[in-house]
Amino acid sequence: PPAHPPLSSPPPPELLEVEVAAGMHQPGGVLVDPSAAVGLLWARRGLTFWVHIFRELSRIGRQRQSGRISPAEGPTPSGRSTPRGGSPTGDVSLKELVERGYAATLQPFNGWLSQNSMSLALRAVPQEFPRLAPTQLEMLEDLEAWCDVVEQLVGRMAAVQLELDLEDRRKSI
């Protein structure tokens, strides 16, 4: 995959600093909603959710390529039946990967309404991950490169929020 230059600076914290200086938020990361701090917090959590799913998808896809797990029997995304399958996840459905990602990243911060909304949304998740590149290998490389860059960004976002005491651990509705 093409090399990605490292991010040169953290996200601009000026707006967050203005919110802190104005006394908008309470000590201990108790954030006022709506605010830039809440938006950044949930954007970071959402990105972390997708990184979790894509890393797991990549890990399983690489295991399939190396022969450590057998390919899934069944239809490919095009509908053809083949012993190679069309999904990089083998016997693990995309829905299961999304459920795992949600449990690991977002669920700890979601209240009753948000958790039930996610349960409803999960009904629409397809069984297989769509192919997003000409080959399975290229797709895995693209997902890994995306995750590498997004993890840098998420780390910087978290660092800014922690430094400014803007890490709200409360549950949403």
Protein backbone atom coordinates (compact mmCIF):
# COMPACT_ATOMS: atom_id res chain seq x y z
CA PRO A 1 0.00 0.00 0.00
CA PRO A 2 1.10 3.58 -0.51
CA ALA A 3 2.90 5.17 2.41
CA HIS A 4 0.88 7.73 4.30
CA PRO A 5 2.76 10.62 5.86
CA PRO A 6 2.25 10.89 9.62
CA LEU A 7 -0.16 13.51 10.81
CA SER A 8 1.88 16.60 11.54
CA SER A 9 -0.19 18.14 14.31
CA PRO A 10 -3.10 17.37 16.60
CA PRO A 11 -6.60 18.52 15.71
CA PRO A 12 -6.98 22.25 16.34
CA PRO A 13 -7.98 22.54 20.01
CA GLU A 14 -8.85 26.23 19.86
CA LEU A 15 -12.62 25.75 19.89
CA LEU A 16 -12.36 23.30 22.77
CA GLU A 17 -10.11 25.72 24.65
CA VAL A 18 -12.69 28.48 24.17
CA GLU A 19 -15.39 26.22 25.61
CA VAL A 20 -13.20 25.37 28.62
CA ALA A 21 -12.17 28.99 29.19
CA ALA A 22 -15.82 30.05 29.08
CA GLY A 23 -16.61 27.56 31.86
CA MET A 24 -19.02 25.75 29.57
CA HIS A 25 -18.14 22.29 30.92
CA GLN A 26 -17.88 20.96 34.47
CA PRO A 27 -14.73 19.44 36.00
CA GLY A 28 -14.30 15.71 35.58
CA GLY A 29 -15.26 15.74 31.91
CA VAL A 30 -18.95 16.55 32.42
CA LEU A 31 -19.77 18.07 29.05
CA VAL A 32 -22.59 20.34 28.01
CA ASP A 33 -24.59 19.03 25.07
CA PRO A 34 -24.60 20.34 22.40
CA SER A 35 -21.00 21.49 22.20
CA ALA A 36 -17.90 21.02 20.09
CA ALA A 37 -16.48 18.80 22.84
CA VAL A 38 -19.47 16.44 22.66
CA GLY A 39 -19.30 16.39 18.86
CA LEU A 40 -15.61 15.53 18.91
CA LEU A 41 -16.11 12.88 21.60
CA TRP A 42 -18.82 11.06 19.63
CA ALA A 43 -16.96 11.47 16.33
CA ARG A 44 -13.93 9.83 17.95
CA ARG A 45 -16.03 7.00 19.39
CA GLY A 46 -17.65 6.43 16.00
CA LEU A 47 -14.30 6.28 14.24
CA THR A 48 -13.04 3.86 16.89
CA PHE A 49 -16.09 1.65 16.24
CA TRP A 50 -15.25 1.42 12.53
CA VAL A 51 -11.55 0.83 13.20
CA HIS A 52 -12.50 -2.08 15.47
CA ILE A 53 -14.70 -3.64 12.77
CA PHE A 54 -12.18 -3.12 9.97
CA ARG A 55 -9.23 -4.43 12.03
CA GLU A 56 -11.17 -7.59 12.85
CA LEU A 57 -12.26 -7.97 9.23
CA SER A 58 -8.64 -7.60 8.13
CA ARG A 59 -7.35 -10.03 10.77
CA ILE A 60 -9.82 -12.72 9.72
CA GLY A 61 -9.20 -12.05 6.02
CA ARG A 62 -5.43 -12.43 6.52
CA GLN A 63 -5.98 -15.68 8.41
CA ARG A 64 -8.06 -16.99 5.53
CA GLN A 65 -5.35 -16.00 3.04
CA SER A 66 -2.68 -17.78 5.05
CA GLY A 67 -4.80 -20.91 5.39
CA ARG A 68 -5.11 -20.66 9.17
CA ILE A 69 -8.89 -20.70 8.81
CA SER A 70 -10.78 -22.36 6.00
CA PRO A 71 -12.73 -20.37 3.44
CA ALA A 72 -16.47 -20.22 3.91
CA GLU A 73 -18.73 -22.34 1.76
CA GLY A 74 -21.61 -20.54 0.17
CA PRO A 75 -22.54 -17.72 -2.09
CA THR A 76 -20.20 -14.91 -2.99
CA PRO A 77 -21.38 -11.30 -3.09
CA SER A 78 -22.22 -11.94 -6.76
CA GLY A 79 -24.44 -14.90 -5.80
CA ARG A 80 -22.19 -17.61 -7.23
CA SER A 81 -21.62 -20.61 -5.01
CA THR A 82 -17.96 -21.38 -4.51
CA PRO A 83 -15.78 -23.07 -1.88
CA ARG A 84 -13.71 -19.88 -1.72
CA GLY A 85 -16.65 -17.76 -0.64
CA GLY A 86 -16.86 -14.03 -1.23
CA SER A 87 -16.48 -12.76 2.29
CA PRO A 88 -13.11 -12.19 3.92
CA THR A 89 -14.65 -13.21 7.24
CA GLY A 90 -15.28 -16.88 6.52
CA ASP A 91 -17.96 -18.17 8.87
CA VAL A 92 -18.15 -14.87 10.80
CA SER A 93 -20.91 -12.61 9.53
CA LEU A 94 -20.51 -8.89 9.11
CA LYS A 95 -23.39 -8.50 11.56
CA GLU A 96 -21.37 -10.39 14.17
CA LEU A 97 -18.35 -8.15 13.57
CA VAL A 98 -20.54 -5.05 13.94
CA GLU A 99 -22.02 -6.44 17.17
CA ARG A 100 -18.53 -7.09 18.54
CA GLY A 101 -17.34 -3.63 17.52
CA TYR A 102 -20.36 -2.02 19.14
CA ALA A 103 -19.92 -3.96 22.38
CA ALA A 104 -16.23 -3.01 22.56
CA THR A 105 -16.50 0.68 21.66
CA LEU A 106 -19.91 2.35 21.82
CA GLN A 107 -22.13 0.23 24.05
CA PRO A 108 -20.35 1.23 27.30
CA PHE A 109 -21.42 4.83 26.62
CA ASN A 110 -24.93 4.14 25.30
CA GLY A 111 -28.01 4.33 27.48
CA TRP A 112 -31.21 2.36 27.03
CA LEU A 113 -32.55 4.29 24.02
CA SER A 114 -29.25 4.24 22.13
CA GLN A 115 -28.73 0.52 22.80
CA ASN A 116 -32.23 -0.32 21.59
CA SER A 117 -31.75 1.86 18.52
CA MET A 118 -28.57 -0.06 17.74
CA SER A 119 -30.42 -3.36 18.13
CA LEU A 120 -32.91 -2.16 15.54
CA ALA A 121 -30.15 -0.91 13.20
CA LEU A 122 -28.37 -4.27 13.40
CA ARG A 123 -31.30 -5.87 11.60
CA ALA A 124 -30.25 -4.01 8.44
CA VAL A 125 -26.60 -5.13 8.48
CA PRO A 126 -25.86 -7.54 5.61
CA GLN A 127 -24.27 -10.91 6.29
CA GLU A 128 -21.20 -10.25 4.13
CA PHE A 129 -18.92 -7.27 3.81
CA PRO A 130 -19.11 -5.81 0.29
CA ARG A 131 -15.96 -5.90 -1.79
CA LEU A 132 -14.61 -2.37 -2.04
CA ALA A 133 -11.57 -3.03 -4.21
CA PRO A 134 -10.75 -5.09 -7.32
CA THR A 135 -9.25 -7.91 -5.22
CA GLN A 136 -9.62 -9.21 -1.70
CA LEU A 137 -5.95 -8.46 -1.00
CA GLU A 138 -6.29 -4.85 -2.16
CA MET A 139 -9.37 -4.40 0.00
CA LEU A 140 -7.57 -5.70 3.09
CA GLU A 141 -4.59 -3.45 2.38
CA ASP A 142 -6.89 -0.44 1.94
CA LEU A 143 -8.74 -1.18 5.18
CA GLU A 144 -5.46 -1.58 7.07
CA ALA A 145 -4.07 1.68 5.67
CA TRP A 146 -7.30 3.51 6.59
CA CYS A 147 -7.17 2.09 10.11
CA ASP A 148 -3.52 3.12 10.54
CA VAL A 149 -4.29 6.74 9.65
CA VAL A 150 -7.55 6.93 11.60
CA GLU A 151 -5.93 5.45 14.71
CA GLN A 152 -3.38 8.28 14.64
CA LEU A 153 -6.17 10.82 14.35
CA VAL A 154 -8.22 9.21 17.13
CA GLY A 155 -5.18 9.15 19.40
CA ARG A 156 -4.64 12.86 18.89
CA MET A 157 -8.31 13.61 19.40
CA ALA A 158 -8.25 11.68 22.69
CA ALA A 159 -5.06 13.40 23.83
CA VAL A 160 -6.58 16.86 23.30
CA GLN A 161 -9.76 15.96 25.14
CA LEU A 162 -7.91 14.34 28.03
CA GLU A 163 -5.57 17.32 28.34
CA LEU A 164 -8.55 19.69 28.54
CA ASP A 165 -10.56 17.41 30.91
CA LEU A 166 -13.21 16.80 28.26
CA GLU A 167 -13.52 13.01 28.41
CA ASP A 168 -17.16 12.47 29.40
CA ARG A 169 -17.68 8.86 30.54
CA ARG A 170 -21.42 9.16 31.17
CA LYS A 171 -23.94 7.18 29.15
CA SER A 172 -26.08 8.77 26.48
CA ILE A 173 -29.85 8.43 26.53
